[in-house]
């Protein structure tokens, strides 16, 4: 079994999204000890910010006339697309930053799409766990209801375009305990953390069953 794991946090060992992904991986590997992982950490090893535009431009240039940068960008896009195609399952830890998908995650999505056919279902029918975390709260009734432009995007691309059998796990209020202005929400945040951790562990077992 081959699993693609993508992390994207910029918070290193303090990452809430990677913590959830670790729980998924733990349950999965306990159920299937021989599982192999292909890993990318977009937060610590970001993709070149200009690679997508370069790869797209190369599509309008005959292969024998492409620059070294174009050839490299096309190869990187193909590599990312192949990682998705070759995975039996995936764990994608993609936190919410600045109200949307972070620039390094968007670069990954764009380059992967450039590496295949338009609308190609890289993950067609494969079990995929997407874990997304938010520092504050953005649900109905909150002051910033409607400000989350990340989660629906992840659903559209991973589930609808790439065709994954999607399990989406969300955790909010990760900045409680970090930002004193949020201390009043400690009990709520602790419950959200517990619920998300339980969901992540269950998702790991589901991956083991489905993949």
Protein backbone atom coordinates (compact mmCIF):
# COMPACT_ATOMS: atom_id res chain seq x y z
CA UNK A 1 0.00 0.00 0.00
CA UNK A 2 1.39 3.39 -1.03
CA UNK A 3 0.19 6.54 0.73
CA UNK A 4 0.93 10.11 -0.29
CA UNK A 5 1.30 12.43 2.70
CA UNK A 6 1.39 16.18 2.19
CA UNK A 7 2.02 18.61 5.06
CA UNK A 8 1.91 22.37 4.71
CA UNK A 9 2.16 23.98 8.13
CA UNK A 10 4.73 26.69 8.82
CA UNK A 11 4.62 25.97 12.57
CA UNK A 12 6.95 22.97 12.75
CA UNK A 13 6.41 20.86 15.91
CA UNK A 14 3.56 23.16 16.97
CA UNK A 15 1.45 22.32 13.93
CA UNK A 16 -2.13 21.30 14.69
CA UNK A 17 -2.69 19.95 11.18
CA UNK A 18 0.44 17.76 11.26
CA UNK A 19 -0.58 16.52 14.71
CA UNK A 20 -3.85 15.30 13.21
CA UNK A 21 -2.04 13.74 10.24
CA UNK A 22 0.28 11.91 12.65
CA UNK A 23 -2.78 10.36 14.32
CA UNK A 24 -4.16 9.21 10.97
CA UNK A 25 -0.78 7.73 10.04
CA UNK A 26 -0.39 6.01 13.42
CA UNK A 27 -3.72 4.20 13.14
CA UNK A 28 -3.10 3.32 9.51
CA UNK A 29 0.37 1.85 10.06
CA UNK A 30 -0.79 -0.12 13.10
CA UNK A 31 -3.44 -1.72 10.91
CA UNK A 32 -1.11 -2.09 7.89
CA UNK A 33 2.52 -2.21 9.09
CA UNK A 34 3.98 -2.49 5.58
CA UNK A 35 2.51 0.77 4.35
CA UNK A 36 4.90 2.87 2.27
CA UNK A 37 4.77 6.65 2.32
CA UNK A 38 5.69 9.31 -0.21
CA UNK A 39 6.08 12.56 1.71
CA UNK A 40 6.21 16.24 0.87
CA UNK A 41 6.29 19.07 3.37
CA UNK A 42 5.32 22.19 1.51
CA UNK A 43 5.87 24.37 4.57
CA UNK A 44 9.51 23.44 5.12
CA UNK A 45 10.39 22.65 1.49
CA UNK A 46 8.16 24.89 -0.64
CA UNK A 47 7.86 24.46 -4.37
CA UNK A 48 9.33 27.26 -6.53
CA UNK A 49 6.77 30.06 -6.69
CA UNK A 50 7.34 30.63 -10.41
CA UNK A 51 7.29 26.97 -11.47
CA UNK A 52 3.61 26.84 -12.38
CA UNK A 53 3.75 29.81 -14.75
CA UNK A 54 6.93 28.43 -16.25
CA UNK A 55 5.40 24.98 -16.78
CA UNK A 56 2.28 26.46 -18.38
CA UNK A 57 4.42 28.63 -20.66
CA UNK A 58 6.39 25.56 -21.69
CA UNK A 59 3.18 24.09 -23.06
CA UNK A 60 3.28 26.71 -25.80
CA UNK A 61 6.94 26.03 -26.59
CA UNK A 62 8.20 23.08 -28.67
CA UNK A 63 9.99 20.63 -26.40
CA UNK A 64 13.30 21.01 -28.22
CA UNK A 65 13.13 24.79 -27.80
CA UNK A 66 12.35 24.93 -24.10
CA UNK A 67 14.68 26.65 -21.68
CA UNK A 68 16.29 24.76 -18.83
CA UNK A 69 13.82 26.40 -16.44
CA UNK A 70 10.86 25.29 -18.57
CA UNK A 71 12.14 21.72 -18.81
CA UNK A 72 12.65 21.61 -15.04
CA UNK A 73 9.19 23.02 -14.30
CA UNK A 74 7.48 20.54 -16.65
CA UNK A 75 9.36 17.66 -15.00
CA UNK A 76 8.34 18.86 -11.53
CA UNK A 77 4.70 19.15 -12.56
CA UNK A 78 4.80 15.61 -13.99
CA UNK A 79 6.41 14.32 -10.78
CA UNK A 80 3.66 15.81 -8.62
CA UNK A 81 0.96 14.42 -10.89
CA UNK A 82 2.55 10.96 -10.77
CA UNK A 83 2.70 11.03 -6.97
CA UNK A 84 -1.05 11.51 -6.93
CA UNK A 85 -1.74 8.90 -9.63
CA UNK A 86 0.46 6.28 -7.97
CA UNK A 87 -0.96 6.67 -4.47
CA UNK A 88 -3.42 4.12 -3.14
CA UNK A 89 -4.54 6.66 -0.53
CA UNK A 90 -3.52 10.10 0.72
CA UNK A 91 -3.24 12.14 3.90
CA UNK A 92 -3.30 15.87 3.19
CA UNK A 93 -2.66 18.22 6.14
CA UNK A 94 -3.53 21.62 4.68
CA UNK A 95 -4.16 24.40 7.23
CA UNK A 96 -6.10 27.60 6.69
CA UNK A 97 -3.95 30.75 6.41
CA UNK A 98 -5.09 34.33 5.84
CA UNK A 99 -8.66 33.24 5.11
CA UNK A 100 -7.80 30.78 2.37
CA UNK A 101 -5.42 28.24 0.88
CA UNK A 102 -1.83 29.22 1.57
CA UNK A 103 0.37 30.23 -1.36
CA UNK A 104 2.63 27.18 -1.05
CA UNK A 105 -0.37 24.81 -1.09
CA UNK A 106 -1.87 26.64 -4.06
CA UNK A 107 1.46 26.24 -5.88
CA UNK A 108 1.25 22.48 -5.27
CA UNK A 109 -2.31 22.25 -6.58
CA UNK A 110 -1.51 24.37 -9.65
CA UNK A 111 1.65 22.48 -10.55
CA UNK A 112 0.02 19.08 -10.06
CA UNK A 113 -2.82 20.11 -12.37
CA UNK A 114 -0.30 21.32 -14.95
CA UNK A 115 1.30 17.87 -14.88
CA UNK A 116 -1.75 16.08 -16.27
CA UNK A 117 -4.79 16.43 -18.45
CA UNK A 118 -7.33 19.14 -17.71
CA UNK A 119 -9.67 17.84 -15.01
CA UNK A 120 -7.80 14.55 -14.64
CA UNK A 121 -9.09 12.51 -11.69
CA UNK A 122 -5.77 11.69 -10.09
CA UNK A 123 -7.39 10.22 -6.98
CA UNK A 124 -10.47 8.66 -8.56
CA UNK A 125 -12.24 6.57 -5.92
CA UNK A 126 -9.20 6.49 -3.62
CA UNK A 127 -9.62 7.17 0.11
CA UNK A 128 -8.16 10.55 1.03
CA UNK A 129 -8.13 12.30 4.40
CA UNK A 130 -7.91 16.09 4.25
CA UNK A 131 -7.11 17.74 7.57
CA UNK A 132 -7.56 21.48 7.86
CA UNK A 133 -7.15 23.68 10.92
CA UNK A 134 -8.09 27.27 11.73
CA UNK A 135 -6.77 29.51 14.48
CA UNK A 136 -10.12 31.16 15.11
CA UNK A 137 -13.76 30.26 14.55
CA UNK A 138 -15.57 30.86 11.27
CA UNK A 139 -18.84 28.96 11.60
CA UNK A 140 -22.42 30.24 11.46
CA UNK A 141 -23.08 32.94 14.03
CA UNK A 142 -19.44 33.90 14.50
CA UNK A 143 -18.20 37.41 13.58
CA UNK A 144 -16.27 35.93 10.65
CA UNK A 145 -18.86 33.56 9.31
CA UNK A 146 -18.19 33.28 5.55
CA UNK A 147 -14.54 34.28 5.77
CA UNK A 148 -13.27 30.71 5.30
CA UNK A 149 -12.25 30.53 1.62
CA UNK A 150 -10.11 27.44 2.19
CA UNK A 151 -12.34 24.51 3.03
CA UNK A 152 -14.72 24.64 0.06
CA UNK A 153 -11.72 24.94 -2.27
CA UNK A 154 -10.22 21.78 -0.80
CA UNK A 155 -13.52 19.94 -1.26
CA UNK A 156 -13.86 21.10 -4.87
CA UNK A 157 -10.34 20.14 -5.96
CA UNK A 158 -9.65 16.97 -3.96
CA UNK A 159 -13.17 15.58 -4.00
CA UNK A 160 -14.83 16.91 -7.14
CA UNK A 161 -11.97 17.46 -9.58
CA UNK A 162 -9.54 14.77 -8.45
CA UNK A 163 -12.36 12.34 -7.59
CA UNK A 164 -11.23 11.25 -4.14
CA UNK A 165 -13.36 9.33 -1.68
CA UNK A 166 -12.96 12.26 0.68
CA UNK A 167 -12.85 12.34 4.46
CA UNK A 168 -12.63 15.96 5.63
CA UNK A 169 -11.61 16.71 9.21
CA UNK A 170 -11.67 20.27 10.53
CA UNK A 171 -10.41 21.77 13.76
CA UNK A 172 -10.97 25.37 14.86
CA UNK A 173 -9.69 27.59 17.69
CA UNK A 174 -6.12 26.29 17.46
CA UNK A 175 -4.90 29.71 18.68
CA UNK A 176 -6.68 29.29 22.01
CA UNK A 177 -3.87 29.09 24.55
CA UNK A 178 -1.63 31.12 22.23
CA UNK A 179 -3.67 34.31 21.83
CA UNK A 180 -4.87 35.58 25.25
CA UNK A 181 -7.86 37.26 23.60
CA UNK A 182 -9.28 33.79 23.00
CA UNK A 183 -8.88 32.44 26.55
CA UNK A 184 -12.65 32.57 27.11
CA UNK A 185 -13.05 29.81 24.52
CA UNK A 186 -10.72 27.32 26.22
CA UNK A 187 -13.41 24.75 27.01
CA UNK A 188 -14.83 24.91 23.48
CA UNK A 189 -11.36 24.64 21.96
CA UNK A 190 -10.47 21.61 24.07
CA UNK A 191 -13.66 19.86 22.95
CA UNK A 192 -12.90 20.68 19.31
CA UNK A 193 -9.38 19.27 19.68
CA UNK A 194 -10.70 16.06 21.28
CA UNK A 195 -13.34 15.63 18.55
CA UNK A 196 -10.83 16.21 15.76
CA UNK A 197 -8.33 13.78 17.29
CA UNK A 198 -10.98 11.08 17.54
CA UNK A 199 -12.01 11.69 13.94
CA UNK A 200 -8.39 11.51 12.76
CA UNK A 201 -7.82 8.19 14.51
CA UNK A 202 -11.02 6.79 13.00
CA UNK A 203 -9.96 8.06 9.55
CA UNK A 204 -6.69 6.17 9.83
CA UNK A 205 -8.56 2.96 10.42
CA UNK A 206 -10.86 3.76 7.51
CA UNK A 207 -7.89 4.24 5.20
CA UNK A 208 -6.56 0.86 6.22
CA UNK A 209 -9.90 -0.77 5.42
CA UNK A 210 -10.52 0.98 2.10
CA UNK A 211 -7.11 1.16 0.45
